[in-house]
PDB file of N, CA and C in Angstrom:
ATOM      1  N   MET A   1     202.364 117.964 113.200  1.00  0.00           N
ATOM      2  CA  MET A   1     203.688 118.549 113.407  1.00  0.00           C
ATOM      3  C   MET A   1     203.794 119.907 112.707  1.00  0.00           C
ATOM      4  N   ASN A   2     203.089 120.030 111.596  1.00  0.00           N
ATOM      5  CA  ASN A   2     203.117 121.299 110.872  1.00  0.00           C
ATOM      6  C   ASN A   2     202.497 122.406 111.721  1.00  0.00           C
ATOM      7  N   PHE A   3     201.491 122.033 112.523  1.00  0.00           N
ATOM      8  CA  PHE A   3     200.834 123.006 113.398  1.00  0.00           C
ATOM      9  C   PHE A   3     201.814 123.506 114.460  1.00  0.00           C
ATOM     10  N   LEU A   4     202.552 122.575 115.069  1.00  0.00           N
ATOM     11  CA  LEU A   4     203.533 122.957 116.082  1.00  0.00           C
ATOM     12  C   LEU A   4     204.640 123.809 115.470  1.00  0.00           C
ATOM     13  N   LYS A   5     204.991 123.504 114.231  1.00  0.00           N
ATOM     14  CA  LYS A   5     206.045 124.257 113.551  1.00  0.00           C
ATOM     15  C   LYS A   5     205.599 125.700 113.329  1.00  0.00           C
ATOM     16  N   SER A   6     204.349 125.884 112.914  1.00  0.00           N
ATOM     17  CA  SER A   6     203.836 127.239 112.691  1.00  0.00           C
ATOM     18  C   SER A   6     203.708 127.990 114.014  1.00  0.00           C
ATOM     19  N   ILE A   7     203.341 127.264 115.079  1.00  0.00           N
ATOM     20  CA  ILE A   7     203.235 127.889 116.403  1.00  0.00           C
ATOM     21  C   ILE A   7     204.614 128.371 116.861  1.00  0.00           C
ATOM     22  N   GLY A   8     205.620 127.530 116.650  1.00  0.00           N
ATOM     23  CA  GLY A   8     206.980 127.906 117.039  1.00  0.00           C
ATOM     24  C   GLY A   8     207.463 129.120 116.265  1.00  0.00           C
ATOM     25  N   LEU A   9     207.151 129.150 114.973  1.00  0.00           N
ATOM     26  CA  LEU A   9     207.558 130.281 114.135  1.00  0.00           C
ATOM     27  C   LEU A   9     206.856 131.557 114.596  1.00  0.00           C
ATOM     28  N   PHE A  10     205.580 131.435 114.953  1.00  0.00           N
ATOM     29  CA  PHE A  10     204.813 132.581 115.426  1.00  0.00           C
ATOM     30  C   PHE A  10     205.397 133.116 116.729  1.00  0.00           C
ATOM     31  N   LEU A  11     205.724 132.207 117.650  1.00  0.00           N
ATOM     32  CA  LEU A  11     206.303 132.617 118.931  1.00  0.00           C
ATOM     33  C   LEU A  11     207.672 133.264 118.721  1.00  0.00           C
ATOM     34  N   LEU A  12     208.426 132.748 117.751  1.00  0.00           N
ATOM     35  CA  LEU A  12     209.746 133.303 117.470  1.00  0.00           C
ATOM     36  C   LEU A  12     209.632 134.735 116.965  1.00  0.00           C
ATOM     37  N   ILE A  13     208.710 134.955 116.029  1.00  0.00           N
ATOM     38  CA  ILE A  13     208.488 136.300 115.487  1.00  0.00           C
ATOM     39  C   ILE A  13     207.945 137.231 116.573  1.00  0.00           C
ATOM     40  N   LEU A  14     207.021 136.718 117.375  1.00  0.00           N
ATOM     41  CA  LEU A  14     206.422 137.529 118.434  1.00  0.00           C
ATOM     42  C   LEU A  14     207.483 137.937 119.458  1.00  0.00           C
ATOM     43  N   GLY A  15     208.343 136.989 119.826  1.00  0.00           N
ATOM     44  CA  GLY A  15     209.399 137.284 120.789  1.00  0.00           C
ATOM     45  C   GLY A  15     210.382 138.310 120.243  1.00  0.00           C
ATOM     46  N   PHE A  16     210.726 138.171 118.956  1.00  0.00           N
ATOM     47  CA  PHE A  16     211.656 139.107 118.328  1.00  0.00           C
ATOM     48  C   PHE A  16     211.046 140.504 118.269  1.00  0.00           C
ATOM     49  N   TRP A  17     209.745 140.575 117.943  1.00  0.00           N
ATOM     50  CA  TRP A  17     209.059 141.864 117.848  1.00  0.00           C
ATOM     51  C   TRP A  17     208.984 142.533 119.218  1.00  0.00           C
ATOM     52  N   CYS A  18     208.598 141.746 120.232  1.00  0.00           N
ATOM     53  CA  CYS A  18     208.495 142.293 121.594  1.00  0.00           C
ATOM     54  C   CYS A  18     209.866 142.772 122.074  1.00  0.00           C
ATOM     55  N   GLY A  19     210.901 142.007 121.768  1.00  0.00           N
ATOM     56  CA  GLY A  19     212.247 142.395 122.174  1.00  0.00           C
ATOM     57  C   GLY A  19     212.664 143.711 121.531  1.00  0.00           C
ATOM     58  N   SER A  20     212.321 143.878 120.268  1.00  0.00           N
ATOM     59  CA  SER A  20     212.675 145.107 119.555  1.00  0.00           C
ATOM     60  C   SER A  20     211.941 146.308 120.149  1.00  0.00           C
ATOM     61  N   VAL A  21     210.653 146.123 120.423  1.00  0.00           N
ATOM     62  CA  VAL A  21     209.843 147.215 120.981  1.00  0.00           C
ATOM     63  C   VAL A  21     210.338 147.582 122.375  1.00  0.00           C
ATOM     64  N   LEU A  22     210.585 146.571 123.216  1.00  0.00           N
ATOM     65  CA  LEU A  22     211.050 146.837 124.575  1.00  0.00           C
ATOM     66  C   LEU A  22     212.434 147.491 124.549  1.00  0.00           C
ATOM     67  N   GLY A  23     213.277 147.055 123.628  1.00  0.00           N
ATOM     68  CA  GLY A  23     214.611 147.640 123.516  1.00  0.00           C
ATOM     69  C   GLY A  23     214.538 149.107 123.120  1.00  0.00           C
ATOM     70  N   ALA A  24     213.668 149.419 122.165  1.00  0.00           N
ATOM     71  CA  ALA A  24     213.514 150.799 121.709  1.00  0.00           C
ATOM     72  C   ALA A  24     212.953 151.672 122.832  1.00  0.00           C
ATOM     73  N   LEU A  25     211.945 151.161 123.527  1.00  0.00           N
ATOM     74  CA  LEU A  25     211.349 151.918 124.631  1.00  0.00           C
ATOM     75  C   LEU A  25     212.373 152.152 125.734  1.00  0.00           C
ATOM     76  N   TYR A  26     213.210 151.135 126.003  1.00  0.00           N
ATOM     77  CA  TYR A  26     214.228 151.265 127.040  1.00  0.00           C
ATOM     78  C   TYR A  26     215.225 152.366 126.679  1.00  0.00           C
ATOM     79  N   LEU A  27     215.671 152.375 125.418  1.00  0.00           N
ATOM     80  CA  LEU A  27     216.633 153.387 124.987  1.00  0.00           C
ATOM     81  C   LEU A  27     216.030 154.783 125.068  1.00  0.00           C
ATOM     82  N   ILE A  28     214.765 154.915 124.637  1.00  0.00           N
ATOM     83  CA  ILE A  28     214.101 156.223 124.659  1.00  0.00           C
ATOM     84  C   ILE A  28     213.913 156.704 126.097  1.00  0.00           C
ATOM     85  N   GLU A  29     213.420 155.826 126.962  1.00  0.00           N
ATOM     86  CA  GLU A  29     213.180 156.206 128.355  1.00  0.00           C
ATOM     87  C   GLU A  29     214.490 156.526 129.067  1.00  0.00           C
ATOM     88  N   ARG A  30     215.540 155.751 128.783  1.00  0.00           N
ATOM     89  CA  ARG A  30     216.822 155.992 129.431  1.00  0.00           C
ATOM     90  C   ARG A  30     217.362 157.354 129.025  1.00  0.00           C
ATOM     91  N   HIS A  31     217.248 157.683 127.741  1.00  0.00           N
ATOM     92  CA  HIS A  31     217.733 158.972 127.249  1.00  0.00           C
ATOM     93  C   HIS A  31     216.935 160.111 127.878  1.00  0.00           C
ATOM     94  N   ARG A  32     215.617 159.919 128.000  1.00  0.00           N
ATOM     95  CA  ARG A  32     214.761 160.963 128.565  1.00  0.00           C
ATOM     96  C   ARG A  32     215.062 161.151 130.049  1.00  0.00           C
ATOM     97  N   LEU A  33     215.301 160.048 130.763  1.00  0.00           N
ATOM     98  CA  LEU A  33     215.603 160.147 132.187  1.00  0.00           C
ATOM     99  C   LEU A  33     216.951 160.832 132.405  1.00  0.00           C
ATOM    100  N   GLN A  34     217.909 160.570 131.519  1.00  0.00           N
ATOM    101  CA  GLN A  34     219.208 161.225 131.651  1.00  0.00           C
ATOM    102  C   GLN A  34     219.067 162.726 131.424  1.00  0.00           C
ATOM    103  N   ASP A  35     218.214 163.120 130.472  1.00  0.00           N
ATOM    104  CA  ASP A  35     217.994 164.545 130.205  1.00  0.00           C
ATOM    105  C   ASP A  35     217.328 165.217 131.403  1.00  0.00           C
ATOM    106  N   SER A  36     216.455 164.466 132.095  1.00  0.00           N
ATOM    107  CA  SER A  36     215.748 165.028 133.242  1.00  0.00           C
ATOM    108  C   SER A  36     216.650 165.075 134.466  1.00  0.00           C
ATOM    109  N   GLY A  37     217.749 164.341 134.435  1.00  0.00           N
ATOM    110  CA  GLY A  37     218.666 164.344 135.567  1.00  0.00           C
ATOM    111  C   GLY A  37     218.229 163.394 136.660  1.00  0.00           C
ATOM    112  N   VAL A  38     217.306 162.476 136.351  1.00  0.00           N
ATOM    113  CA  VAL A  38     216.842 161.524 137.359  1.00  0.00           C
ATOM    114  C   VAL A  38     217.936 160.504 137.654  1.00  0.00           C
ATOM    115  N   LEU A  39     218.558 160.010 136.604  1.00  0.00           N
ATOM    116  CA  LEU A  39     219.639 159.044 136.784  1.00  0.00           C
ATOM    117  C   LEU A  39     220.929 159.781 137.093  1.00  0.00           C
ATOM    118  N   GLU A  40     221.719 159.220 138.007  1.00  0.00           N
ATOM    119  CA  GLU A  40     222.983 159.851 138.335  1.00  0.00           C
ATOM    120  C   GLU A  40     224.038 159.458 137.313  1.00  0.00           C
ATOM    121  N   GLY A  41     224.757 160.469 136.814  1.00  0.00           N
ATOM    122  CA  GLY A  41     225.767 160.203 135.785  1.00  0.00           C
ATOM    123  C   GLY A  41     227.073 160.885 136.137  1.00  0.00           C
ATOM    124  N   ASN A  42     227.981 160.897 135.189  1.00  0.00           N
ATOM    125  CA  ASN A  42     229.287 161.509 135.407  1.00  0.00           C
ATOM    126  C   ASN A  42     229.334 162.937 134.888  1.00  0.00           C
ATOM    127  N   GLY A  43     228.173 163.531 134.681  1.00  0.00           N
ATOM    128  CA  GLY A  43     228.148 164.901 134.181  1.00  0.00           C
ATOM    129  C   GLY A  43     227.215 165.016 132.994  1.00  0.00           C
ATOM    130  N   PRO A  44     227.220 166.165 132.331  1.00  0.00           N
ATOM    131  CA  PRO A  44     226.328 166.402 131.181  1.00  0.00           C
ATOM    132  C   PRO A  44     226.617 165.443 130.027  1.00  0.00           C
ATOM    133  N   ASN A  45     227.858 164.998 129.926  1.00  0.00           N
ATOM    134  CA  ASN A  45     228.216 164.115 128.816  1.00  0.00           C
ATOM    135  C   ASN A  45     227.881 162.657 129.101  1.00  0.00           C
ATOM    136  N   GLY A  46     227.363 162.367 130.270  1.00  0.00           N
ATOM    137  CA  GLY A  46     227.026 160.991 130.569  1.00  0.00           C
ATOM    138  C   GLY A  46     228.133 160.391 131.330  1.00  0.00           C
TER     139      GLY A  46
END
């Protein structure tokens, strides 16, 4: 059971890390796409 517990903890940390990285990449890419004018917005202010 201790093995399964460590596996669960590892998956939890891995999922949290992946979520953080994907979230950061999403914010960066979204900001860059808005600057490029690829995404349609309500003007220069977004």
